[in-house]
Amino acid sequence: MASDSKKKALEFSRLSPSHILNLDGSNFYLPYLDIEAITLTKDRFFANAAMAIVPSDKKFLGFFFPRDEFDLAFSSLNKVIPTRIAII
């Protein structure tokens, strides 16, 4: 059975970016050119991974996601902004 996050990813893959942004008032647009750095980390003790995004305005954005999706997250980001990604 697919995880909830995989079901949600499939659901979102069928939507336009503008529709996804409008689904929740806390969503926002962040252009690739405004991203200075992204770090990905696998938590050694818990079942989560973490992503930290540093945009040009220096307002740190952090997210947790299932550790088993780490490789997918890295490969997806590496395709679009490879020079700004670090794994720590």
N, C-alpha and C. Protein backbone atom coordinates (compact mmCIF):
# COMPACT_ATOMS: atom_id res chain seq x y z
N MET A 1 0.84 -1.18 0.00
CA MET A 1 0.00 0.00 0.00
C MET A 1 0.88 1.25 0.00
N ALA A 2 0.55 2.21 -0.80
CA ALA A 2 1.32 3.45 -0.91
C ALA A 2 1.14 4.29 0.36
N SER A 3 2.24 4.95 0.75
CA SER A 3 2.16 5.82 1.93
C SER A 3 1.28 7.02 1.62
N ASP A 4 0.83 7.68 2.69
CA ASP A 4 0.00 8.88 2.52
C ASP A 4 0.73 9.94 1.71
N SER A 5 2.04 10.09 1.97
CA SER A 5 2.78 11.12 1.24
C SER A 5 2.91 10.76 -0.24
N LYS A 6 3.03 9.48 -0.55
CA LYS A 6 3.10 9.08 -1.96
C LYS A 6 1.76 9.27 -2.65
N LYS A 7 0.68 9.01 -1.94
CA LYS A 7 -0.65 9.26 -2.50
C LYS A 7 -0.84 10.75 -2.76
N LYS A 8 -0.39 11.56 -1.82
CA LYS A 8 -0.53 13.01 -1.96
C LYS A 8 0.33 13.51 -3.13
N ALA A 9 1.53 12.96 -3.26
CA ALA A 9 2.41 13.35 -4.37
C ALA A 9 1.77 13.02 -5.71
N LEU A 10 1.16 11.86 -5.80
CA LEU A 10 0.49 11.47 -7.04
C LEU A 10 -0.68 12.42 -7.32
N GLU A 11 -1.43 12.74 -6.29
CA GLU A 11 -2.56 13.67 -6.43
C GLU A 11 -2.08 15.04 -6.92
N PHE A 12 -1.00 15.55 -6.31
CA PHE A 12 -0.46 16.85 -6.70
C PHE A 12 0.14 16.82 -8.10
N SER A 13 0.68 15.70 -8.51
CA SER A 13 1.29 15.62 -9.84
C SER A 13 0.27 15.86 -10.95
N ARG A 14 -0.98 15.72 -10.63
CA ARG A 14 -2.05 15.91 -11.61
C ARG A 14 -2.58 17.35 -11.62
N LEU A 15 -2.06 18.20 -10.74
CA LEU A 15 -2.54 19.57 -10.62
C LEU A 15 -1.54 20.56 -11.21
N SER A 16 -2.02 21.71 -11.61
CA SER A 16 -1.12 22.77 -12.09
C SER A 16 -0.45 23.44 -10.89
N PRO A 17 0.73 24.03 -11.09
CA PRO A 17 1.39 24.74 -10.00
C PRO A 17 0.52 25.83 -9.37
N SER A 18 -0.20 26.58 -10.18
CA SER A 18 -1.03 27.65 -9.62
C SER A 18 -2.17 27.07 -8.77
N HIS A 19 -2.70 25.93 -9.17
CA HIS A 19 -3.76 25.30 -8.39
C HIS A 19 -3.20 24.84 -7.04
N ILE A 20 -2.02 24.25 -7.04
CA ILE A 20 -1.39 23.80 -5.79
C ILE A 20 -1.15 24.98 -4.86
N LEU A 21 -0.63 26.08 -5.40
CA LEU A 21 -0.38 27.27 -4.58
C LEU A 21 -1.66 27.80 -3.94
N ASN A 22 -2.77 27.70 -4.65
CA ASN A 22 -4.04 28.23 -4.15
C ASN A 22 -4.77 27.29 -3.20
N LEU A 23 -4.30 26.07 -3.03
CA LEU A 23 -4.98 25.11 -2.15
C LEU A 23 -4.91 25.50 -0.68
N ASP A 24 -3.86 26.19 -0.30
CA ASP A 24 -3.64 26.51 1.10
C ASP A 24 -3.06 27.92 1.20
N GLY A 25 -3.58 28.70 2.10
CA GLY A 25 -3.12 30.06 2.27
C GLY A 25 -1.67 30.19 2.70
N SER A 26 -1.10 29.11 3.26
CA SER A 26 0.29 29.18 3.69
C SER A 26 1.27 28.82 2.56
N ASN A 27 0.76 28.37 1.42
CA ASN A 27 1.62 28.09 0.27
C ASN A 27 2.11 29.39 -0.33
N PHE A 28 3.29 29.36 -0.91
CA PHE A 28 3.84 30.55 -1.54
C PHE A 28 4.75 30.15 -2.69
N TYR A 29 4.96 31.07 -3.60
CA TYR A 29 5.81 30.86 -4.76
C TYR A 29 7.23 31.28 -4.43
N LEU A 30 8.19 30.43 -4.76
CA LEU A 30 9.61 30.73 -4.55
C LEU A 30 10.34 30.38 -5.84
N PRO A 31 10.71 31.39 -6.63
CA PRO A 31 11.41 31.12 -7.89
C PRO A 31 12.76 30.44 -7.65
N TYR A 32 13.14 29.57 -8.56
CA TYR A 32 14.43 28.88 -8.46
C TYR A 32 15.58 29.86 -8.30
N LEU A 33 15.52 30.97 -9.02
CA LEU A 33 16.62 31.94 -8.97
C LEU A 33 16.78 32.59 -7.60
N ASP A 34 15.74 32.55 -6.77
CA ASP A 34 15.82 33.12 -5.43
C ASP A 34 16.37 32.14 -4.40
N ILE A 35 16.61 30.90 -4.79
CA ILE A 35 17.12 29.90 -3.86
C ILE A 35 18.65 29.93 -3.88
N GLU A 36 19.24 30.24 -2.74
CA GLU A 36 20.69 30.28 -2.63
C GLU A 36 21.27 28.92 -2.26
N ALA A 37 20.57 28.17 -1.42
CA ALA A 37 21.09 26.88 -0.98
C ALA A 37 19.96 25.98 -0.49
N ILE A 38 20.17 24.68 -0.64
CA ILE A 38 19.27 23.67 -0.10
C ILE A 38 20.14 22.60 0.55
N THR A 39 19.83 22.27 1.79
CA THR A 39 20.53 21.16 2.43
C THR A 39 19.53 20.06 2.76
N LEU A 40 19.96 18.85 2.55
CA LEU A 40 19.16 17.67 2.87
C LEU A 40 19.92 16.87 3.91
N THR A 41 19.20 16.37 4.90
CA THR A 41 19.81 15.61 5.99
C THR A 41 18.93 14.42 6.33
N LYS A 42 19.57 13.26 6.52
CA LYS A 42 18.85 12.08 7.03
C LYS A 42 19.06 12.06 8.53
N ASP A 43 17.99 12.01 9.26
CA ASP A 43 18.08 11.92 10.71
C ASP A 43 18.56 10.53 11.08
N ARG A 44 19.57 10.45 11.92
CA ARG A 44 20.14 9.15 12.28
C ARG A 44 19.33 8.40 13.32
N PHE A 45 18.44 9.09 14.01
CA PHE A 45 17.73 8.46 15.11
C PHE A 45 16.23 8.31 14.89
N PHE A 46 15.69 9.07 13.97
CA PHE A 46 14.25 9.03 13.74
C PHE A 46 13.97 8.64 12.29
N ALA A 47 12.72 8.53 11.96
CA ALA A 47 12.32 8.09 10.61
C ALA A 47 12.13 9.26 9.66
N ASN A 48 12.70 10.40 9.98
CA ASN A 48 12.51 11.58 9.15
C ASN A 48 13.80 12.00 8.47
N ALA A 49 13.63 12.75 7.41
CA ALA A 49 14.71 13.48 6.77
C ALA A 49 14.32 14.94 6.87
N ALA A 50 15.27 15.81 6.62
CA ALA A 50 14.98 17.24 6.72
C ALA A 50 15.52 17.96 5.50
N MET A 51 14.82 19.01 5.13
CA MET A 51 15.26 19.88 4.04
C MET A 51 15.26 21.30 4.57
N ALA A 52 16.35 22.00 4.33
CA ALA A 52 16.44 23.41 4.69
C ALA A 52 16.68 24.19 3.41
N ILE A 53 15.89 25.21 3.18
CA ILE A 53 16.01 26.06 2.00
C ILE A 53 16.38 27.46 2.47
N VAL A 54 17.41 28.03 1.84
CA VAL A 54 17.82 29.39 2.15
C VAL A 54 17.58 30.24 0.91
N PRO A 55 16.51 31.04 0.91
CA PRO A 55 16.26 31.94 -0.22
C PRO A 55 17.12 33.20 -0.11
N SER A 56 17.13 33.99 -1.16
CA SER A 56 17.97 35.19 -1.19
C SER A 56 17.63 36.20 -0.09
N ASP A 57 16.40 36.17 0.42
CA ASP A 57 16.06 37.09 1.52
C ASP A 57 16.49 36.55 2.88
N LYS A 58 17.14 35.38 2.88
CA LYS A 58 17.70 34.75 4.09
C LYS A 58 16.66 34.30 5.10
N LYS A 59 15.40 34.23 4.70
CA LYS A 59 14.36 33.71 5.60
C LYS A 59 14.35 32.19 5.46
N PHE A 60 14.96 31.53 6.40
CA PHE A 60 15.13 30.08 6.41
C PHE A 60 13.79 29.35 6.34
N LEU A 61 13.72 28.33 5.51
CA LEU A 61 12.53 27.48 5.40
C LEU A 61 12.96 26.06 5.70
N GLY A 62 12.27 25.39 6.61
CA GLY A 62 12.62 24.02 6.96
C GLY A 62 11.44 23.09 6.88
N PHE A 63 11.71 21.86 6.45
CA PHE A 63 10.67 20.86 6.28
C PHE A 63 11.17 19.51 6.72
N PHE A 64 10.30 18.69 7.27
CA PHE A 64 10.59 17.29 7.54
C PHE A 64 9.78 16.45 6.58
N PHE A 65 10.33 15.31 6.18
CA PHE A 65 9.62 14.40 5.30
C PHE A 65 10.10 12.98 5.58
N PRO A 66 9.38 11.96 5.13
CA PRO A 66 9.76 10.58 5.43
C PRO A 66 11.15 10.24 4.88
N ARG A 67 11.94 9.61 5.71
CA ARG A 67 13.32 9.28 5.34
C ARG A 67 13.40 8.42 4.08
N ASP A 68 12.42 7.55 3.87
CA ASP A 68 12.48 6.67 2.70
C ASP A 68 12.25 7.44 1.39
N GLU A 69 11.94 8.74 1.48
CA GLU A 69 11.78 9.56 0.27
C GLU A 69 12.97 10.49 0.04
N PHE A 70 14.03 10.29 0.83
CA PHE A 70 15.22 11.13 0.74
C PHE A 70 15.85 11.09 -0.66
N ASP A 71 16.07 9.88 -1.19
CA ASP A 71 16.71 9.74 -2.50
C ASP A 71 15.88 10.38 -3.60
N LEU A 72 14.57 10.24 -3.54
CA LEU A 72 13.69 10.86 -4.52
C LEU A 72 13.76 12.38 -4.42
N ALA A 73 13.76 12.90 -3.20
CA ALA A 73 13.86 14.35 -3.01
C ALA A 73 15.17 14.87 -3.58
N PHE A 74 16.26 14.19 -3.27
CA PHE A 74 17.57 14.63 -3.77
C PHE A 74 17.62 14.58 -5.30
N SER A 75 17.19 13.48 -5.89
CA SER A 75 17.29 13.36 -7.35
C SER A 75 16.38 14.37 -8.05
N SER A 76 15.21 14.64 -7.48
CA SER A 76 14.29 15.62 -8.07
C SER A 76 14.89 17.02 -8.03
N LEU A 77 15.42 17.41 -6.89
CA LEU A 77 16.02 18.74 -6.76
C LEU A 77 17.30 18.85 -7.57
N ASN A 78 18.06 17.78 -7.63
CA ASN A 78 19.32 17.79 -8.36
C ASN A 78 19.10 18.00 -9.86
N LYS A 79 17.95 17.62 -10.36
CA LYS A 79 17.64 17.82 -11.78
C LYS A 79 17.41 19.29 -12.12
N VAL A 80 16.87 20.05 -11.18
CA VAL A 80 16.51 21.44 -11.49
C VAL A 80 17.47 22.49 -10.93
N ILE A 81 18.11 22.22 -9.82
CA ILE A 81 19.06 23.19 -9.25
C ILE A 81 20.26 22.46 -8.62
N PRO A 82 21.03 21.75 -9.43
CA PRO A 82 22.11 20.91 -8.90
C PRO A 82 23.23 21.65 -8.18
N THR A 83 23.48 22.89 -8.54
CA THR A 83 24.61 23.62 -7.94
C THR A 83 24.31 24.18 -6.56
N ARG A 84 23.08 24.06 -6.09
CA ARG A 84 22.71 24.66 -4.81
C ARG A 84 22.34 23.64 -3.75
N ILE A 85 22.60 22.35 -4.01
CA ILE A 85 22.17 21.30 -3.08
C ILE A 85 23.38 20.72 -2.34
N ALA A 86 23.21 20.52 -1.05
CA ALA A 86 24.23 19.86 -0.24
C ALA A 86 23.56 18.82 0.63
N ILE A 87 24.24 17.70 0.82
CA ILE A 87 23.77 16.66 1.74
C ILE A 87 24.68 16.70 2.95
N ILE A 88 24.06 16.84 4.12
CA ILE A 88 24.86 16.87 5.35
C ILE A 88 24.35 15.83 6.32
